[in-house]
Amino acid sequence: MKRIIELKHVGAKPHVRTLLEELLDRLEEKLRHFPGDTVSVHVLFEENGTHKLFRTALTCHVPGHTVAAHEEQREAGVSIRRAFGELERQLEKQKAVVRHEHLLRRVKRIQRAPLLLWLSAGLLLGAGSAMGEEPSPHLTPQERVAESLRLIESGDPYERQLGFLRLEALRDPSTAEAIRKHLDSKDPDLRAYTLRALAAIEGPAAIPQLLQSLRADRDPVVRRAALLGLEPLRPHDPSLLQAFIAALRDRKPEVRMAAVDVVSRIDDSAARDAIRRLNKREYSRNVRRALALAMKRLGAQ
């Protein structure tokens, strides 16, 4: 199962990450009936210091479906656990829909109460609209694309993020031009979502745009998204290693942390030397934590 964890404005990151990993392990166990490379979970956890609120947003892609949950609470642990609980509940609900268990239950009620047949039929016809935010399992691929494109134009930031994540999972080439316009958005999160989606949809063709954003965008959220979008594309262009090494010198710690994780996983002498050089001069506490894990990884090579 592919895991993407994003932490924003969080103080006790190691404790939060440990809890998230434990809950992701439990979720992965429940999804073991799917092939591992077909499942991905995106976790966004952020702290709003002004209002002392903790927000957890989860998006899970399984074959044919995308399920999302989000929770805001004044306690970090409560926010995380409730969001995962809601996600698991929706996954169970989705599994029941796929198995047509909801239809079987309605049929049994119809058999027990023939006079209510017309009402039950009406409920069956309206079941799709009563499902809430979850897309119908019977939507065609074209309908899923259209729904995702509608979401990215929403005024709700959560819906926009969900729309981009769905497009990233669908990887429909016809959507690339429709979302590319958001690269000029004033909202850095929107630019970041666009880059990640383009990386998944266009593959190697997105490399020039990702490199431009990595080098030139003013916002670290966008540069980090460009870096993560480029990571799986390195087999298509080995010269990307130099861009990853350059990102180790980014002025923002959050970008350097992502670069440390990316570079330290590459089996190349230039990558190992770059990590060792950074380890001698890095001053940020958070980046040094990432470097400690990277040095352990290098020691095992």
Protein backbone atom coordinates (compact mmCIF):
# COMPACT_ATOMS: atom_id res chain seq x y z
CA MET A 1 0.00 0.00 0.00
CA LYS A 2 1.39 3.38 -1.02
CA ARG A 3 1.39 5.89 1.84
CA ILE A 4 1.67 9.67 1.57
CA ILE A 5 1.84 11.56 4.86
CA GLU A 6 1.86 15.36 4.95
CA LEU A 7 2.28 17.24 8.23
CA LYS A 8 1.71 21.00 8.31
CA HIS A 9 2.50 23.34 11.20
CA VAL A 10 2.79 20.40 13.60
CA GLY A 11 5.00 20.57 16.69
CA ALA A 12 5.39 16.98 17.94
CA LYS A 13 5.88 15.44 14.49
CA PRO A 14 7.53 12.16 15.61
CA HIS A 15 4.62 11.33 17.94
CA VAL A 16 2.03 12.24 15.30
CA ARG A 17 3.84 10.25 12.61
CA THR A 18 4.11 7.21 14.89
CA LEU A 19 0.35 7.24 15.56
CA LEU A 20 -0.40 7.68 11.86
CA GLU A 21 1.87 4.79 10.90
CA GLU A 22 0.21 2.52 13.47
CA LEU A 23 -3.26 3.34 12.15
CA LEU A 24 -2.08 2.95 8.55
CA ASP A 25 -0.70 -0.49 9.44
CA ARG A 26 -4.13 -1.45 10.78
CA LEU A 27 -5.81 -0.08 7.67
CA GLU A 28 -3.40 -1.94 5.40
CA GLU A 29 -4.25 -5.18 7.18
CA LYS A 30 -7.95 -4.58 6.48
CA LEU A 31 -7.21 -3.91 2.81
CA ARG A 32 -4.94 -6.90 2.30
CA HIS A 33 -7.42 -8.51 -0.11
CA PHE A 34 -6.40 -5.84 -2.68
CA PRO A 35 -3.06 -6.06 -4.54
CA GLY A 36 -0.66 -3.79 -2.65
CA ASP A 37 0.27 -1.66 -5.65
CA THR A 38 -3.37 -0.77 -6.36
CA VAL A 39 -4.06 0.87 -2.98
CA SER A 40 -2.88 4.30 -1.86
CA VAL A 41 -3.68 6.43 1.19
CA HIS A 42 -3.03 10.16 1.41
CA VAL A 43 -2.90 11.65 4.93
CA LEU A 44 -2.90 15.39 5.57
CA PHE A 45 -2.61 16.46 9.21
CA GLU A 46 -2.34 20.12 10.12
CA GLU A 47 -2.55 22.33 13.18
CA ASN A 48 -4.34 25.67 13.14
CA GLY A 49 -2.43 27.57 15.76
CA THR A 50 -4.85 30.51 15.79
CA HIS A 51 -7.86 28.45 16.81
CA LYS A 52 -5.99 25.50 18.36
CA LEU A 53 -7.66 23.04 16.04
CA PHE A 54 -6.19 19.86 14.56
CA ARG A 55 -7.44 18.78 11.15
CA THR A 56 -7.02 15.31 9.67
CA ALA A 57 -7.92 14.65 6.02
CA LEU A 58 -7.70 11.11 4.61
CA THR A 59 -8.16 9.92 1.05
CA CYS A 60 -7.97 6.23 0.17
CA HIS A 61 -7.83 4.94 -3.41
CA VAL A 62 -8.79 1.30 -3.97
CA PRO A 63 -9.54 -0.28 -7.34
CA GLY A 64 -12.64 1.42 -8.73
CA HIS A 65 -13.30 3.67 -5.73
CA THR A 66 -12.07 6.69 -3.80
CA VAL A 67 -13.08 7.14 -0.16
CA ALA A 68 -12.38 10.23 1.94
CA ALA A 69 -12.82 11.36 5.54
CA HIS A 70 -11.88 14.47 7.48
CA GLU A 71 -12.13 15.54 11.12
CA GLU A 72 -11.40 18.69 13.12
CA GLN A 73 -10.88 18.50 16.89
CA ARG A 74 -9.08 20.38 19.66
CA GLU A 75 -7.01 17.26 20.47
CA ALA A 76 -4.64 15.86 17.87
CA GLY A 77 -5.15 12.20 18.79
CA VAL A 78 -8.93 12.51 18.76
CA SER A 79 -8.88 14.14 15.32
CA ILE A 80 -6.65 11.42 13.86
CA ARG A 81 -8.48 8.46 15.38
CA ARG A 82 -11.94 9.72 14.46
CA ALA A 83 -10.87 10.38 10.88
CA PHE A 84 -9.48 6.86 10.54
CA GLY A 85 -12.62 5.45 12.15
CA GLU A 86 -14.79 7.28 9.62
CA LEU A 87 -12.59 6.11 6.74
CA GLU A 88 -12.84 2.49 7.87
CA ARG A 89 -16.61 2.84 8.25
CA GLN A 90 -16.92 4.18 4.71
CA LEU A 91 -14.71 1.40 3.35
CA GLU A 92 -16.94 -1.18 5.03
CA LYS A 93 -19.99 0.56 3.59
CA GLN A 94 -18.42 0.60 0.14
CA LYS A 95 -17.60 -3.11 0.43
CA ALA A 96 -21.24 -3.81 1.29
CA VAL A 97 -22.39 -1.84 -1.74
CA VAL A 98 -20.04 -3.73 -4.02
CA ARG A 99 -21.35 -7.02 -2.70
CA HIS A 100 -24.93 -5.78 -3.21
CA GLU A 101 -25.69 -6.50 0.41
CA HIS A 102 -27.79 -3.34 0.62
CA LEU A 103 -29.96 -4.60 -2.25
CA LEU A 104 -30.40 -8.00 -0.63
CA ARG A 105 -31.58 -6.40 2.61
CA ARG A 106 -34.09 -4.25 0.72
CA VAL A 107 -35.38 -7.28 -1.20
CA LYS A 108 -35.96 -9.13 2.07
CA ARG A 109 -37.96 -6.20 3.42
CA ILE A 110 -39.98 -6.10 0.21
CA GLN A 111 -40.76 -9.79 0.57
CA ARG A 112 -41.97 -9.24 4.13
CA ALA A 113 -44.08 -6.22 3.19
CA PRO A 114 -45.45 -6.51 -0.38
CA LEU A 115 -47.67 -3.47 0.06
CA LEU A 116 -44.57 -1.30 0.45
CA LEU A 117 -43.10 -2.44 -2.87
CA TRP A 118 -43.51 0.94 -4.53
CA LEU A 119 -41.80 2.70 -1.62
CA SER A 120 -38.88 0.27 -1.59
CA ALA A 121 -38.44 0.66 -5.34
CA GLY A 122 -38.30 4.42 -4.86
CA LEU A 123 -35.64 4.01 -2.19
CA LEU A 124 -33.64 1.78 -4.50
CA LEU A 125 -33.76 4.37 -7.26
CA GLY A 126 -32.71 7.09 -4.87
CA ALA A 127 -29.97 5.11 -3.16
CA GLY A 128 -27.24 6.62 -5.29
CA SER A 129 -28.07 10.19 -4.25
CA ALA A 130 -28.34 9.21 -0.60
CA MET A 131 -24.81 7.86 -0.43
CA GLY A 132 -23.33 11.19 0.59
CA GLU A 133 -19.91 12.16 -0.71
CA GLU A 134 -18.95 8.70 -1.96
CA PRO A 135 -19.09 8.25 -5.75
CA SER A 136 -21.53 5.61 -6.95
CA PRO A 137 -19.84 2.28 -7.68
CA HIS A 138 -21.86 2.15 -10.91
CA LEU A 139 -20.45 5.34 -12.44
CA THR A 140 -18.69 4.92 -15.75
CA PRO A 141 -15.06 6.08 -16.00
CA GLN A 142 -16.22 9.12 -17.98
CA GLU A 143 -18.73 10.01 -15.25
CA ARG A 144 -16.03 9.67 -12.57
CA VAL A 145 -13.81 12.02 -14.53
CA ALA A 146 -16.63 14.55 -14.94
CA GLU A 147 -17.42 14.43 -11.22
CA SER A 148 -13.75 14.93 -10.29
CA LEU A 149 -13.44 17.89 -12.66
CA ARG A 150 -16.52 19.41 -11.05
CA LEU A 151 -14.99 19.04 -7.59
CA ILE A 152 -11.76 20.85 -8.46
CA GLU A 153 -13.82 23.92 -9.39
CA SER A 154 -15.63 23.88 -6.04
CA GLY A 155 -15.32 26.75 -3.60
CA ASP A 156 -14.74 24.25 -0.78
CA PRO A 157 -10.98 23.59 -0.27
CA TYR A 158 -11.67 20.04 0.91
CA GLU A 159 -13.72 19.21 -2.19
CA ARG A 160 -11.03 20.69 -4.43
CA GLN A 161 -8.38 18.53 -2.80
CA LEU A 162 -10.59 15.45 -3.13
CA GLY A 163 -11.17 16.20 -6.81
CA PHE A 164 -7.45 16.46 -7.55
CA LEU A 165 -6.72 13.26 -5.63
CA ARG A 166 -9.37 11.43 -7.63
CA LEU A 167 -7.95 12.73 -10.90
CA GLU A 168 -4.49 11.63 -9.74
CA ALA A 169 -5.85 8.13 -9.18
CA LEU A 170 -7.87 8.00 -12.42
CA ARG A 171 -4.89 9.12 -14.58
CA ASP A 172 -7.10 10.04 -17.53
CA PRO A 173 -4.96 11.86 -20.16
CA SER A 174 -7.97 13.90 -21.30
CA THR A 175 -8.04 15.77 -17.96
CA ALA A 176 -4.51 17.20 -18.16
CA GLU A 177 -5.40 20.39 -20.04
CA ALA A 178 -8.44 21.02 -17.86
CA ILE A 179 -6.37 21.08 -14.68
CA ARG A 180 -3.24 22.72 -16.07
CA LYS A 181 -4.78 26.18 -15.74
CA HIS A 182 -4.54 25.84 -11.96
CA LEU A 183 -0.75 26.06 -12.21
CA ASP A 184 -1.30 29.83 -12.33
CA SER A 185 -3.47 29.89 -9.21
CA LYS A 186 -2.54 32.23 -6.37
CA ASP A 187 -3.32 29.39 -3.95
CA PRO A 188 -0.10 27.36 -3.39
CA ASP A 189 -2.05 24.29 -2.27
CA LEU A 190 -3.95 24.35 -5.56
CA ARG A 191 -0.71 24.57 -7.54
CA ALA A 192 0.70 21.69 -5.49
CA TYR A 193 -2.35 19.47 -6.10
CA THR A 194 -2.12 20.26 -9.82
CA LEU A 195 1.53 19.21 -10.02
CA ARG A 196 0.92 15.91 -8.26
CA ALA A 197 -2.03 15.16 -10.54
CA LEU A 198 -0.08 16.07 -13.70
CA ALA A 199 2.83 13.86 -12.61
CA ALA A 200 0.45 10.89 -12.32
CA ILE A 201 -1.52 11.65 -15.49
CA GLU A 202 1.27 12.64 -17.90
CA GLY A 203 4.21 10.72 -16.47
CA PRO A 204 7.55 11.63 -18.10
CA ALA A 205 5.87 14.33 -20.20
CA ALA A 206 5.29 16.31 -16.98
CA ILE A 207 9.00 16.41 -16.08
CA PRO A 208 9.75 19.87 -17.60
CA GLN A 209 6.86 21.50 -15.73
CA LEU A 210 7.75 19.75 -12.47
CA LEU A 211 11.38 20.84 -12.76
CA GLN A 212 10.36 24.43 -13.45
CA SER A 213 8.15 24.51 -10.35
CA LEU A 214 10.80 22.82 -8.22
CA ARG A 215 13.36 25.46 -9.19
CA ALA A 216 11.24 28.60 -9.47
CA ASP A 217 8.05 28.48 -7.39
CA ARG A 218 8.20 30.74 -4.34
CA ASP A 219 6.12 28.50 -2.08
CA PRO A 220 7.74 25.48 -0.37
CA VAL A 221 4.46 23.54 -0.52
CA VAL A 222 4.64 23.68 -4.31
CA ARG A 223 8.36 22.90 -4.52
CA ARG A 224 7.85 19.89 -2.24
CA ALA A 225 4.93 18.65 -4.37
CA ALA A 226 7.07 18.99 -7.50
CA LEU A 227 9.86 17.01 -5.86
CA LEU A 228 7.52 14.20 -4.80
CA GLY A 229 5.93 14.17 -8.24
CA LEU A 230 9.35 13.75 -9.85
CA GLU A 231 10.51 10.94 -7.56
CA PRO A 232 8.75 8.03 -9.35
CA LEU A 233 9.80 9.45 -12.75
CA ARG A 234 13.57 9.09 -12.19
CA PRO A 235 13.75 5.70 -14.00
CA HIS A 236 12.65 7.57 -17.14
CA ASP A 237 15.26 10.31 -16.69
CA PRO A 238 18.29 9.44 -14.52
CA SER A 239 19.50 13.06 -14.76
CA LEU A 240 16.75 13.98 -12.28
CA LEU A 241 19.17 12.92 -9.54
CA GLN A 242 20.93 16.28 -9.92
CA ALA A 243 17.65 18.13 -9.34
CA PHE A 244 17.01 16.03 -6.23
CA ILE A 245 20.50 16.80 -4.90
CA ALA A 246 19.97 20.50 -5.60
CA ALA A 247 16.76 20.34 -3.53
CA LEU A 248 18.90 19.37 -0.52
CA ARG A 249 20.02 23.02 -0.56
CA ASP A 250 16.48 24.46 -0.65
CA ARG A 251 15.99 27.38 1.74
CA LYS A 252 12.99 25.79 3.44
CA PRO A 253 13.39 22.83 5.86
CA GLU A 254 10.22 21.05 4.70
CA VAL A 255 11.60 20.80 1.16
CA ARG A 256 15.01 19.66 2.38
CA MET A 257 13.35 16.97 4.52
CA ALA A 258 11.51 15.60 1.49
CA ALA A 259 14.72 15.76 -0.55
CA VAL A 260 16.61 13.84 2.13
CA ASP A 261 14.03 11.06 2.02
CA VAL A 262 14.10 10.93 -1.79
CA VAL A 263 17.87 11.11 -2.26
CA SER A 264 18.72 8.66 0.53
CA ARG A 265 16.67 5.94 -1.20
CA ILE A 266 18.65 6.17 -4.45
CA ASP A 267 21.42 3.62 -4.85
CA ASP A 268 24.04 5.92 -6.33
CA SER A 269 27.39 7.15 -5.01
CA ALA A 270 26.53 10.78 -5.85
CA ALA A 271 23.33 10.49 -3.80
CA ARG A 272 25.15 9.00 -0.82
CA ASP A 273 27.86 11.67 -0.93
CA ALA A 274 25.25 14.43 -1.06
CA ILE A 275 23.50 13.10 2.04
CA ARG A 276 26.78 12.85 3.94
CA ARG A 277 27.72 16.42 2.99
CA LEU A 278 24.37 17.74 4.16
CA ASN A 279 24.68 15.81 7.40
CA LYS A 280 27.82 17.81 8.24
CA ARG A 281 26.28 21.26 7.77
CA GLU A 282 22.52 20.98 8.36
CA TYR A 283 21.22 23.11 11.25
CA SER A 284 17.45 22.51 11.21
CA ARG A 285 16.32 20.13 13.95
CA ASN A 286 13.57 18.60 11.83
CA VAL A 287 15.87 18.04 8.86
CA ARG A 288 18.46 16.50 11.14
CA ARG A 289 15.86 13.98 12.30
CA ALA A 290 15.27 13.02 8.67
CA LEU A 291 19.04 12.85 8.15
CA ALA A 292 19.44 10.52 11.12
CA LEU A 293 17.10 8.02 9.45
CA ALA A 294 18.86 8.56 6.12
CA MET A 295 22.29 7.88 7.62
CA LYS A 296 20.97 4.64 9.12
CA ARG A 297 19.66 3.71 5.69
CA LEU A 298 23.03 4.46 4.12
CA GLY A 299 24.80 2.44 6.79
CA ALA A 300 22.76 -0.60 5.80
CA GLN A 301 23.85 -0.30 2.15
